[in-house]
Amino acid sequence: MPVKNCMEAFVYEAIENMLDSYPGICTCEQCQKDIAAYALNHLPPKYIRTNIGDIYTRLDLYDKSQYTQIMRAVAQAIEVVSKNPHHQPGININK
């Protein structure tokens, strides 16, 4: 198994779950990646290299305080990216 930051999977899951709560913002792939990058830069990485390490890390991240930290970082990222998209504002390039 290659070394990976399993925080990425949690951030993308949070983005997917939270975007519906922000009507009117762009949900294009570019904006979602910008949201993920912003959130990941404000969260501690959780690198793993084995399946057992992955399981232990995921169990730790399901802890309420850890999960709240992830949700807070993603919410902040959504706010920042929606105000500063890397494409023309008001245009969802998914459509």
Protein backbone atom coordinates (compact mmCIF):
# COMPACT_ATOMS: atom_id res chain seq x y z
CA MET A 1 0.00 0.00 0.00
CA PRO A 2 1.42 3.42 -0.90
CA VAL A 3 1.71 6.17 1.68
CA LYS A 4 -1.44 8.27 1.67
CA ASN A 5 -3.12 11.00 3.67
CA CYS A 6 -6.44 9.43 4.64
CA MET A 7 -7.68 12.86 5.77
CA GLU A 8 -8.37 13.46 2.06
CA ALA A 9 -11.16 10.87 1.97
CA PHE A 10 -12.80 12.42 5.04
CA VAL A 11 -12.58 15.92 3.58
CA TYR A 12 -14.10 14.88 0.23
CA GLU A 13 -16.88 13.02 2.06
CA ALA A 14 -17.61 16.12 4.17
CA ILE A 15 -17.65 18.30 1.04
CA GLU A 16 -20.14 15.97 -0.62
CA ASN A 17 -22.37 15.98 2.46
CA MET A 18 -22.18 19.72 3.09
CA LEU A 19 -22.52 21.30 -0.36
CA ASP A 20 -26.32 20.88 -0.35
CA SER A 21 -26.42 23.18 2.69
CA TYR A 22 -24.96 26.02 0.60
CA PRO A 23 -27.46 26.71 -2.19
CA GLY A 24 -26.29 28.88 -5.03
CA ILE A 25 -22.59 28.16 -4.78
CA CYS A 26 -20.62 26.57 -7.57
CA THR A 27 -20.17 22.81 -7.20
CA CYS A 28 -17.92 22.27 -10.19
CA GLU A 29 -14.95 19.93 -9.90
CA GLN A 30 -12.50 22.83 -9.82
CA CYS A 31 -14.29 24.51 -6.89
CA GLN A 32 -14.58 21.20 -5.02
CA LYS A 33 -10.84 20.64 -5.42
CA ASP A 34 -10.15 24.19 -4.23
CA ILE A 35 -12.39 23.56 -1.20
CA ALA A 36 -10.55 20.31 -0.47
CA ALA A 37 -7.12 21.93 -0.81
CA TYR A 38 -8.08 24.80 1.49
CA ALA A 39 -9.54 22.46 4.13
CA LEU A 40 -6.61 20.03 3.95
CA ASN A 41 -4.17 22.90 4.45
CA HIS A 42 -5.99 23.75 7.68
CA LEU A 43 -6.14 20.20 9.05
CA PRO A 44 -3.40 17.94 10.38
CA PRO A 45 -2.43 15.23 7.88
CA LYS A 46 -3.05 11.61 8.80
CA TYR A 47 -0.57 9.57 6.78
CA ILE A 48 -0.85 5.80 6.68
CA ARG A 49 0.95 3.05 4.81
CA THR A 50 -0.79 -0.15 5.91
CA ASN A 51 -4.38 -1.36 6.01
CA ILE A 52 -4.20 -1.68 9.81
CA GLY A 53 -2.95 1.90 10.06
CA ASP A 54 -5.83 2.97 7.84
CA ILE A 55 -8.37 1.29 10.13
CA TYR A 56 -6.92 2.83 13.31
CA THR A 57 -6.69 6.28 11.75
CA ARG A 58 -10.25 6.13 10.44
CA LEU A 59 -11.53 5.08 13.86
CA ASP A 60 -9.68 8.03 15.39
CA LEU A 61 -11.13 10.43 12.83
CA TYR A 62 -14.67 9.28 13.59
CA ASP A 63 -14.16 10.68 17.09
CA LYS A 64 -16.65 13.54 17.57
CA SER A 65 -14.00 16.22 18.17
CA GLN A 66 -11.97 15.15 15.13
CA TYR A 67 -15.06 15.02 12.93
CA THR A 68 -16.13 18.47 14.14
CA GLN A 69 -12.70 19.84 13.25
CA ILE A 70 -13.04 18.43 9.72
CA MET A 71 -16.55 19.86 9.30
CA ARG A 72 -15.41 23.27 10.54
CA ALA A 73 -12.46 23.34 8.12
CA VAL A 74 -14.67 22.33 5.18
CA ALA A 75 -17.32 24.93 6.07
CA GLN A 76 -14.66 27.63 6.20
CA ALA A 77 -13.23 26.41 2.89
CA ILE A 78 -16.66 26.51 1.23
CA GLU A 79 -17.13 30.10 2.40
CA VAL A 80 -13.71 31.22 1.16
CA VAL A 81 -13.86 29.47 -2.21
CA SER A 82 -17.44 30.54 -2.91
CA LYS A 83 -16.38 34.17 -2.42
CA ASN A 84 -13.18 33.74 -4.48
CA PRO A 85 -13.76 31.16 -7.25
CA HIS A 86 -11.01 30.57 -9.79
CA HIS A 87 -13.48 31.16 -12.60
CA GLN A 88 -16.03 33.85 -13.39
CA PRO A 89 -18.31 34.29 -10.33
CA GLY A 90 -21.91 33.12 -10.68
CA ILE A 91 -21.10 30.58 -13.38
CA ASN A 92 -21.27 26.93 -12.37
CA ILE A 93 -19.02 25.33 -14.97
CA ASN A 94 -20.71 21.96 -14.33
CA LYS A 95 -23.76 23.18 -16.25
